[in-house]
PDB file of N, CA and C in Angstrom:
ATOM      1  N   MET A   1       7.805  13.109   6.566  1.00  0.00           N
ATOM      2  CA  MET A   1       7.241  12.791   5.261  1.00  0.00           C
ATOM      3  C   MET A   1       5.797  12.353   5.427  1.00  0.00           C
ATOM      4  N   THR A   2       4.958  12.802   4.569  1.00  0.00           N
ATOM      5  CA  THR A   2       3.588  12.325   4.537  1.00  0.00           C
ATOM      6  C   THR A   2       3.275  11.878   3.125  1.00  0.00           C
ATOM      7  N   ALA A   3       2.420  10.902   3.040  1.00  0.00           N
ATOM      8  CA  ALA A   3       1.944  10.423   1.748  1.00  0.00           C
ATOM      9  C   ALA A   3       0.435  10.581   1.754  1.00  0.00           C
ATOM     10  N   GLY A   4      -0.086  11.386   0.879  1.00  0.00           N
ATOM     11  CA  GLY A   4      -1.500  11.719   0.880  1.00  0.00           C
ATOM     12  C   GLY A   4      -2.421  10.564   0.571  1.00  0.00           C
ATOM     13  N   ASP A   5      -3.718  10.834   0.697  1.00  0.00           N
ATOM     14  CA  ASP A   5      -4.711   9.789   0.501  1.00  0.00           C
ATOM     15  C   ASP A   5      -4.901   9.444  -0.976  1.00  0.00           C
ATOM     16  N   GLN A   6      -4.162  10.082  -1.882  1.00  0.00           N
ATOM     17  CA  GLN A   6      -4.254   9.747  -3.287  1.00  0.00           C
ATOM     18  C   GLN A   6      -3.591   8.409  -3.598  1.00  0.00           C
ATOM     19  N   LEU A   7      -2.849   7.873  -2.629  1.00  0.00           N
ATOM     20  CA  LEU A   7      -2.198   6.582  -2.838  1.00  0.00           C
ATOM     21  C   LEU A   7      -3.228   5.463  -2.820  1.00  0.00           C
ATOM     22  N   THR A   8      -3.111   4.585  -3.773  1.00  0.00           N
ATOM     23  CA  THR A   8      -3.981   3.418  -3.780  1.00  0.00           C
ATOM     24  C   THR A   8      -3.224   2.247  -3.171  1.00  0.00           C
ATOM     25  N   ILE A   9      -3.960   1.325  -2.621  1.00  0.00           N
ATOM     26  CA  ILE A   9      -3.368   0.126  -2.049  1.00  0.00           C
ATOM     27  C   ILE A   9      -3.191  -0.894  -3.167  1.00  0.00           C
ATOM     28  N   ASP A  10      -1.964  -1.331  -3.347  1.00  0.00           N
ATOM     29  CA  ASP A  10      -1.631  -2.341  -4.344  1.00  0.00           C
ATOM     30  C   ASP A  10      -1.382  -3.656  -3.615  1.00  0.00           C
ATOM     31  N   VAL A  11      -2.183  -4.648  -3.925  1.00  0.00           N
ATOM     32  CA  VAL A  11      -2.009  -5.954  -3.298  1.00  0.00           C
ATOM     33  C   VAL A  11      -1.398  -6.871  -4.346  1.00  0.00           C
ATOM     34  N   GLY A  12      -0.095  -6.918  -4.332  1.00  0.00           N
ATOM     35  CA  GLY A  12       0.631  -7.757  -5.271  1.00  0.00           C
ATOM     36  C   GLY A  12       1.426  -8.791  -4.509  1.00  0.00           C
ATOM     37  N   GLU A  13       2.592  -9.082  -5.017  1.00  0.00           N
ATOM     38  CA  GLU A  13       3.486 -10.047  -4.380  1.00  0.00           C
ATOM     39  C   GLU A  13       3.918  -9.507  -3.018  1.00  0.00           C
ATOM     40  N   PRO A  14       3.749 -10.283  -1.945  1.00  0.00           N
ATOM     41  CA  PRO A  14       4.140  -9.821  -0.614  1.00  0.00           C
ATOM     42  C   PRO A  14       5.631  -9.494  -0.523  1.00  0.00           C
ATOM     43  N   ASN A  15       5.943  -8.408   0.166  1.00  0.00           N
ATOM     44  CA  ASN A  15       7.321  -8.017   0.441  1.00  0.00           C
ATOM     45  C   ASN A  15       7.522  -8.111   1.954  1.00  0.00           C
ATOM     46  N   TRP A  16       8.139  -9.169   2.399  1.00  0.00           N
ATOM     47  CA  TRP A  16       8.341  -9.407   3.828  1.00  0.00           C
ATOM     48  C   TRP A  16       9.633  -8.799   4.356  1.00  0.00           C
ATOM     49  N   LYS A  17      10.512  -8.325   3.479  1.00  0.00           N
ATOM     50  CA  LYS A  17      11.827  -7.850   3.905  1.00  0.00           C
ATOM     51  C   LYS A  17      11.779  -6.740   4.957  1.00  0.00           C
ATOM     52  N   PRO A  18      10.956  -5.693   4.800  1.00  0.00           N
ATOM     53  CA  PRO A  18      10.922  -4.656   5.831  1.00  0.00           C
ATOM     54  C   PRO A  18      10.481  -5.187   7.202  1.00  0.00           C
ATOM     55  N   LEU A  19       9.519  -6.087   7.217  1.00  0.00           N
ATOM     56  CA  LEU A  19       9.054  -6.663   8.478  1.00  0.00           C
ATOM     57  C   LEU A  19      10.143  -7.525   9.096  1.00  0.00           C
ATOM     58  N   GLU A  20      10.746  -8.381   8.273  1.00  0.00           N
ATOM     59  CA  GLU A  20      11.792  -9.276   8.767  1.00  0.00           C
ATOM     60  C   GLU A  20      13.033  -8.526   9.253  1.00  0.00           C
ATOM     61  N   ALA A  21      13.275  -7.342   8.707  1.00  0.00           N
ATOM     62  CA  ALA A  21      14.428  -6.540   9.124  1.00  0.00           C
ATOM     63  C   ALA A  21      14.224  -5.910  10.499  1.00  0.00           C
ATOM     64  N   ASN A  22      12.971  -5.866  10.965  1.00  0.00           N
ATOM     65  CA  ASN A  22      12.666  -5.167  12.208  1.00  0.00           C
ATOM     66  C   ASN A  22      12.124  -6.043  13.324  1.00  0.00           C
ATOM     67  N   LEU A  23      11.692  -7.248  13.001  1.00  0.00           N
ATOM     68  CA  LEU A  23      11.096  -8.130  14.002  1.00  0.00           C
ATOM     69  C   LEU A  23      11.736  -9.511  13.948  1.00  0.00           C
ATOM     70  N   SER A  24      11.613 -10.227  15.046  1.00  0.00           N
ATOM     71  CA  SER A  24      12.099 -11.605  15.083  1.00  0.00           C
ATOM     72  C   SER A  24      11.178 -12.495  14.236  1.00  0.00           C
ATOM     73  N   PRO A  25      11.651 -13.670  13.838  1.00  0.00           N
ATOM     74  CA  PRO A  25      10.782 -14.592  13.081  1.00  0.00           C
ATOM     75  C   PRO A  25       9.491 -14.932  13.826  1.00  0.00           C
ATOM     76  N   ASP A  26       9.566 -15.092  15.148  1.00  0.00           N
ATOM     77  CA  ASP A  26       8.354 -15.385  15.927  1.00  0.00           C
ATOM     78  C   ASP A  26       7.359 -14.236  15.860  1.00  0.00           C
ATOM     79  N   GLU A  27       7.855 -13.006  15.938  1.00  0.00           N
ATOM     80  CA  GLU A  27       6.970 -11.842  15.862  1.00  0.00           C
ATOM     81  C   GLU A  27       6.387 -11.690  14.454  1.00  0.00           C
ATOM     82  N   CYS A  28       7.179 -11.956  13.432  1.00  0.00           N
ATOM     83  CA  CYS A  28       6.705 -11.846  12.051  1.00  0.00           C
ATOM     84  C   CYS A  28       5.530 -12.780  11.785  1.00  0.00           C
ATOM     85  N   ALA A  29       5.519 -13.913  12.452  1.00  0.00           N
ATOM     86  CA  ALA A  29       4.444 -14.901  12.248  1.00  0.00           C
ATOM     87  C   ALA A  29       3.079 -14.362  12.644  1.00  0.00           C
ATOM     88  N   ASP A  30       3.043 -13.281  13.426  1.00  0.00           N
ATOM     89  CA  ASP A  30       1.773 -12.696  13.864  1.00  0.00           C
ATOM     90  C   ASP A  30       1.218 -11.654  12.902  1.00  0.00           C
ATOM     91  N   PHE A  31       1.849 -11.486  11.742  1.00  0.00           N
ATOM     92  CA  PHE A  31       1.421 -10.455  10.791  1.00  0.00           C
ATOM     93  C   PHE A  31       0.975 -11.050   9.472  1.00  0.00           C
ATOM     94  N   MET A  32       0.025 -10.358   8.844  1.00  0.00           N
ATOM     95  CA  MET A  32      -0.457 -10.681   7.505  1.00  0.00           C
ATOM     96  C   MET A  32      -0.031  -9.551   6.588  1.00  0.00           C
ATOM     97  N   TYR A  33       0.363  -9.880   5.390  1.00  0.00           N
ATOM     98  CA  TYR A  33       0.700  -8.850   4.408  1.00  0.00           C
ATOM     99  C   TYR A  33      -0.587  -8.336   3.789  1.00  0.00           C
ATOM    100  N   MET A  34      -0.769  -7.005   3.793  1.00  0.00           N
ATOM    101  CA  MET A  34      -2.002  -6.422   3.286  1.00  0.00           C
ATOM    102  C   MET A  34      -1.822  -5.680   1.970  1.00  0.00           C
ATOM    103  N   GLY A  35      -0.587  -5.355   1.608  1.00  0.00           N
ATOM    104  CA  GLY A  35      -0.333  -4.647   0.355  1.00  0.00           C
ATOM    105  C   GLY A  35       0.634  -3.507   0.568  1.00  0.00           C
ATOM    106  N   ARG A  36       0.642  -2.571  -0.400  1.00  0.00           N
ATOM    107  CA  ARG A  36       1.529  -1.420  -0.288  1.00  0.00           C
ATOM    108  C   ARG A  36       0.802  -0.169  -0.756  1.00  0.00           C
ATOM    109  N   ALA A  37       1.177   0.936  -0.162  1.00  0.00           N
ATOM    110  CA  ALA A  37       0.679   2.254  -0.554  1.00  0.00           C
ATOM    111  C   ALA A  37       1.907   3.064  -0.955  1.00  0.00           C
ATOM    112  N   GLY A  38       2.144   3.166  -2.234  1.00  0.00           N
ATOM    113  CA  GLY A  38       3.359   3.826  -2.700  1.00  0.00           C
ATOM    114  C   GLY A  38       4.577   3.022  -2.270  1.00  0.00           C
ATOM    115  N   GLU A  39       5.444   3.637  -1.468  1.00  0.00           N
ATOM    116  CA  GLU A  39       6.661   2.982  -0.976  1.00  0.00           C
ATOM    117  C   GLU A  39       6.491   2.435   0.438  1.00  0.00           C
ATOM    118  N   ILE A  40       5.256   2.353   0.911  1.00  0.00           N
ATOM    119  CA  ILE A  40       4.987   1.898   2.275  1.00  0.00           C
ATOM    120  C   ILE A  40       4.343   0.520   2.235  1.00  0.00           C
ATOM    121  N   GLU A  41       4.967  -0.431   2.920  1.00  0.00           N
ATOM    122  CA  GLU A  41       4.430  -1.796   3.016  1.00  0.00           C
ATOM    123  C   GLU A  41       3.489  -1.864   4.212  1.00  0.00           C
ATOM    124  N   LEU A  42       2.345  -2.526   4.042  1.00  0.00           N
ATOM    125  CA  LEU A  42       1.298  -2.581   5.065  1.00  0.00           C
ATOM    126  C   LEU A  42       1.156  -3.999   5.605  1.00  0.00           C
ATOM    127  N   TYR A  43       1.283  -4.128   6.910  1.00  0.00           N
ATOM    128  CA  TYR A  43       1.156  -5.427   7.584  1.00  0.00           C
ATOM    129  C   TYR A  43       0.126  -5.293   8.696  1.00  0.00           C
ATOM    130  N   LYS A  44      -0.746  -6.282   8.833  1.00  0.00           N
ATOM    131  CA  LYS A  44      -1.773  -6.258   9.879  1.00  0.00           C
ATOM    132  C   LYS A  44      -1.466  -7.330  10.910  1.00  0.00           C
ATOM    133  N   HIS A  45      -1.498  -6.931  12.177  1.00  0.00           N
ATOM    134  CA  HIS A  45      -1.254  -7.867  13.277  1.00  0.00           C
ATOM    135  C   HIS A  45      -2.469  -8.773  13.442  1.00  0.00           C
ATOM    136  N   ARG A  46      -2.222 -10.033  13.556  1.00  0.00           N
ATOM    137  CA  ARG A  46      -3.310 -11.015  13.598  1.00  0.00           C
ATOM    138  C   ARG A  46      -4.207 -10.876  14.822  1.00  0.00           C
ATOM    139  N   TRP A  47      -3.682 -10.451  15.965  1.00  0.00           N
ATOM    140  CA  TRP A  47      -4.489 -10.382  17.185  1.00  0.00           C
ATOM    141  C   TRP A  47      -5.032  -8.984  17.456  1.00  0.00           C
ATOM    142  N   THR A  48      -4.201  -7.961  17.313  1.00  0.00           N
ATOM    143  CA  THR A  48      -4.679  -6.609  17.624  1.00  0.00           C
ATOM    144  C   THR A  48      -5.427  -5.990  16.451  1.00  0.00           C
ATOM    145  N   ARG A  49      -5.219  -6.524  15.251  1.00  0.00           N
ATOM    146  CA  ARG A  49      -5.833  -6.037  14.016  1.00  0.00           C
ATOM    147  C   ARG A  49      -5.342  -4.638  13.643  1.00  0.00           C
ATOM    148  N   ARG A  50      -4.244  -4.210  14.235  1.00  0.00           N
ATOM    149  CA  ARG A  50      -3.668  -2.902  13.921  1.00  0.00           C
ATOM    150  C   ARG A  50      -2.568  -3.062  12.878  1.00  0.00           C
ATOM    151  N   TYR A  51      -2.350  -1.995  12.153  1.00  0.00           N
ATOM    152  CA  TYR A  51      -1.380  -2.023  11.074  1.00  0.00           C
ATOM    153  C   TYR A  51       0.000  -1.555  11.514  1.00  0.00           C
ATOM    154  N   LEU A  52       1.011  -2.220  10.972  1.00  0.00           N
ATOM    155  CA  LEU A  52       2.395  -1.798  11.071  1.00  0.00           C
ATOM    156  C   LEU A  52       2.799  -1.425   9.649  1.00  0.00           C
ATOM    157  N   ASN A  53       3.035  -0.146   9.429  1.00  0.00           N
ATOM    158  CA  ASN A  53       3.345   0.377   8.104  1.00  0.00           C
ATOM    159  C   ASN A  53       4.828   0.739   8.058  1.00  0.00           C
ATOM    160  N   ILE A  54       5.559   0.064   7.186  1.00  0.00           N
ATOM    161  CA  ILE A  54       7.005   0.223   7.123  1.00  0.00           C
ATOM    162  C   ILE A  54       7.418   0.602   5.705  1.00  0.00           C
ATOM    163  N   GLY A  55       8.291   1.598   5.597  1.00  0.00           N
ATOM    164  CA  GLY A  55       8.819   1.985   4.298  1.00  0.00           C
ATOM    165  C   GLY A  55       9.658   0.865   3.707  1.00  0.00           C
ATOM    166  N   ARG A  56       9.720   0.816   2.407  1.00  0.00           N
ATOM    167  CA  ARG A  56      10.498  -0.234   1.741  1.00  0.00           C
ATOM    168  C   ARG A  56      11.958  -0.219   2.135  1.00  0.00           C
ATOM    169  N   ASN A  57      12.439   0.912   2.638  1.00  0.00           N
ATOM    170  CA  ASN A  57      13.832   0.999   3.083  1.00  0.00           C
ATOM    171  C   ASN A  57      14.039   0.322   4.434  1.00  0.00           C
ATOM    172  N   SER A  58      12.970  -0.154   5.045  1.00  0.00           N
ATOM    173  CA  SER A  58      12.966  -0.866   6.336  1.00  0.00           C
ATOM    174  C   SER A  58      13.315   0.025   7.520  1.00  0.00           C
ATOM    175  N   GLN A  59      13.503   1.326   7.312  1.00  0.00           N
ATOM    176  CA  GLN A  59      13.905   2.221   8.383  1.00  0.00           C
ATOM    177  C   GLN A  59      12.870   3.292   8.702  1.00  0.00           C
ATOM    178  N   SER A  60      11.835   3.431   7.895  1.00  0.00           N
ATOM    179  CA  SER A  60      10.797   4.437   8.105  1.00  0.00           C
ATOM    180  C   SER A  60       9.505   3.747   8.513  1.00  0.00           C
ATOM    181  N   PHE A  61       8.810   4.356   9.463  1.00  0.00           N
ATOM    182  CA  PHE A  61       7.558   3.801   9.971  1.00  0.00           C
ATOM    183  C   PHE A  61       6.479   4.866   9.869  1.00  0.00           C
ATOM    184  N   TYR A  62       5.249   4.423   9.608  1.00  0.00           N
ATOM    185  CA  TYR A  62       4.165   5.362   9.363  1.00  0.00           C
ATOM    186  C   TYR A  62       2.900   4.936  10.090  1.00  0.00           C
ATOM    187  N   ARG A  63       2.077   5.929  10.381  1.00  0.00           N
ATOM    188  CA  ARG A  63       0.744   5.688  10.916  1.00  0.00           C
ATOM    189  C   ARG A  63      -0.237   6.411  10.019  1.00  0.00           C
ATOM    190  N   TYR A  64      -1.312   5.737   9.670  1.00  0.00           N
ATOM    191  CA  TYR A  64      -2.344   6.350   8.837  1.00  0.00           C
ATOM    192  C   TYR A  64      -3.218   7.185   9.745  1.00  0.00           C
ATOM    193  N   CYS A  65      -3.231   8.483   9.502  1.00  0.00           N
ATOM    194  CA  CYS A  65      -3.939   9.406  10.391  1.00  0.00           C
ATOM    195  C   CYS A  65      -4.462  10.586   9.575  1.00  0.00           C
ATOM    196  N   GLY A  66      -5.730  10.868   9.706  1.00  0.00           N
ATOM    197  CA  GLY A  66      -6.307  12.016   9.009  1.00  0.00           C
ATOM    198  C   GLY A  66      -6.223  11.927   7.501  1.00  0.00           C
ATOM    199  N   GLY A  67      -6.310  10.715   6.966  1.00  0.00           N
ATOM    200  CA  GLY A  67      -6.316  10.528   5.523  1.00  0.00           C
ATOM    201  C   GLY A  67      -4.955  10.492   4.873  1.00  0.00           C
ATOM    202  N   LYS A  68      -3.872  10.437   5.688  1.00  0.00           N
ATOM    203  CA  LYS A  68      -2.537  10.359   5.106  1.00  0.00           C
ATOM    204  C   LYS A  68      -1.616   9.559   6.009  1.00  0.00           C
ATOM    205  N   TYR A  69      -0.498   9.126   5.441  1.00  0.00           N
ATOM    206  CA  TYR A  69       0.512   8.390   6.198  1.00  0.00           C
ATOM    207  C   TYR A  69       1.507   9.401   6.763  1.00  0.00           C
ATOM    208  N   VAL A  70       1.645   9.382   8.084  1.00  0.00           N
ATOM    209  CA  VAL A  70       2.528  10.301   8.783  1.00  0.00           C
ATOM    210  C   VAL A  70       3.681   9.498   9.374  1.00  0.00           C
ATOM    211  N   GLU A  71       4.905   9.973   9.157  1.00  0.00           N
ATOM    212  CA  GLU A  71       6.064   9.252   9.663  1.00  0.00           C
ATOM    213  C   GLU A  71       6.124   9.348  11.182  1.00  0.00           C
ATOM    214  N   ILE A  72       6.394   8.213  11.830  1.00  0.00           N
ATOM    215  CA  ILE A  72       6.531   8.115  13.282  1.00  0.00           C
ATOM    216  C   ILE A  72       7.788   7.304  13.585  1.00  0.00           C
ATOM    217  N   THR A  73       8.141   7.210  14.847  1.00  0.00           N
ATOM    218  CA  THR A  73       9.313   6.427  15.214  1.00  0.00           C
ATOM    219  C   THR A  73       8.981   4.943  15.210  1.00  0.00           C
ATOM    220  N   GLN A  74      10.018   4.137  15.175  1.00  0.00           N
ATOM    221  CA  GLN A  74       9.829   2.691  15.254  1.00  0.00           C
ATOM    222  C   GLN A  74       9.151   2.321  16.571  1.00  0.00           C
ATOM    223  N   ALA A  75       9.570   2.928  17.664  1.00  0.00           N
ATOM    224  CA  ALA A  75       8.984   2.638  18.980  1.00  0.00           C
ATOM    225  C   ALA A  75       7.494   2.966  18.982  1.00  0.00           C
ATOM    226  N   GLU A  76       7.105   4.099  18.425  1.00  0.00           N
ATOM    227  CA  GLU A  76       5.681   4.469  18.363  1.00  0.00           C
ATOM    228  C   GLU A  76       4.897   3.465  17.530  1.00  0.00           C
ATOM    229  N   ALA A  77       5.470   3.048  16.411  1.00  0.00           N
ATOM    230  CA  ALA A  77       4.786   2.093  15.533  1.00  0.00           C
ATOM    231  C   ALA A  77       4.581   0.751  16.228  1.00  0.00           C
ATOM    232  N   LEU A  78       5.616   0.268  16.910  1.00  0.00           N
ATOM    233  CA  LEU A  78       5.509  -1.024  17.584  1.00  0.00           C
ATOM    234  C   LEU A  78       4.581  -0.939  18.794  1.00  0.00           C
ATOM    235  N   ASP A  79       4.622   0.149  19.535  1.00  0.00           N
ATOM    236  CA  ASP A  79       3.688   0.335  20.657  1.00  0.00           C
ATOM    237  C   ASP A  79       2.251   0.327  20.161  1.00  0.00           C
ATOM    238  N   HIS A  80       1.999   1.009  19.064  1.00  0.00           N
ATOM    239  CA  HIS A  80       0.640   1.081  18.507  1.00  0.00           C
ATOM    240  C   HIS A  80       0.137  -0.300  18.107  1.00  0.00           C
ATOM    241  N   VAL A  81       0.948  -1.052  17.416  1.00  0.00           N
ATOM    242  CA  VAL A  81       0.491  -2.343  16.892  1.00  0.00           C
ATOM    243  C   VAL A  81       0.356  -3.401  17.977  1.00  0.00           C
ATOM    244  N   ARG A  82       1.101  -3.278  19.054  1.00  0.00           N
ATOM    245  CA  ARG A  82       1.071  -4.293  20.111  1.00  0.00           C
ATOM    246  C   ARG A  82      -0.001  -4.051  21.172  1.00  0.00           C
ATOM    247  N   CYS A  83      -0.629  -2.892  21.182  1.00  0.00           N
ATOM    248  CA  CYS A  83      -1.647  -2.581  22.213  1.00  0.00           C
ATOM    249  C   CYS A  83      -2.922  -3.342  22.004  1.00  0.00           C
TER     250      CYS A  83
END
């Protein structure tokens, strides 16, 4: 699945559920909520400054690449954000 660059970032009420479903409480503390792009929640790591993009279903992960969100594996998403 890809979500094109026509999506706008909505910064409303934070949705921590997708992050909390995938990381420990200690790991969650290292992220800031940045908003959502469609059905994708955007979290920024406090130290690496990289984004962890998780679908609202808590099971889909995305990387913003070439102007769109491209679905990747959970392992790829976590490796990217932790580097």
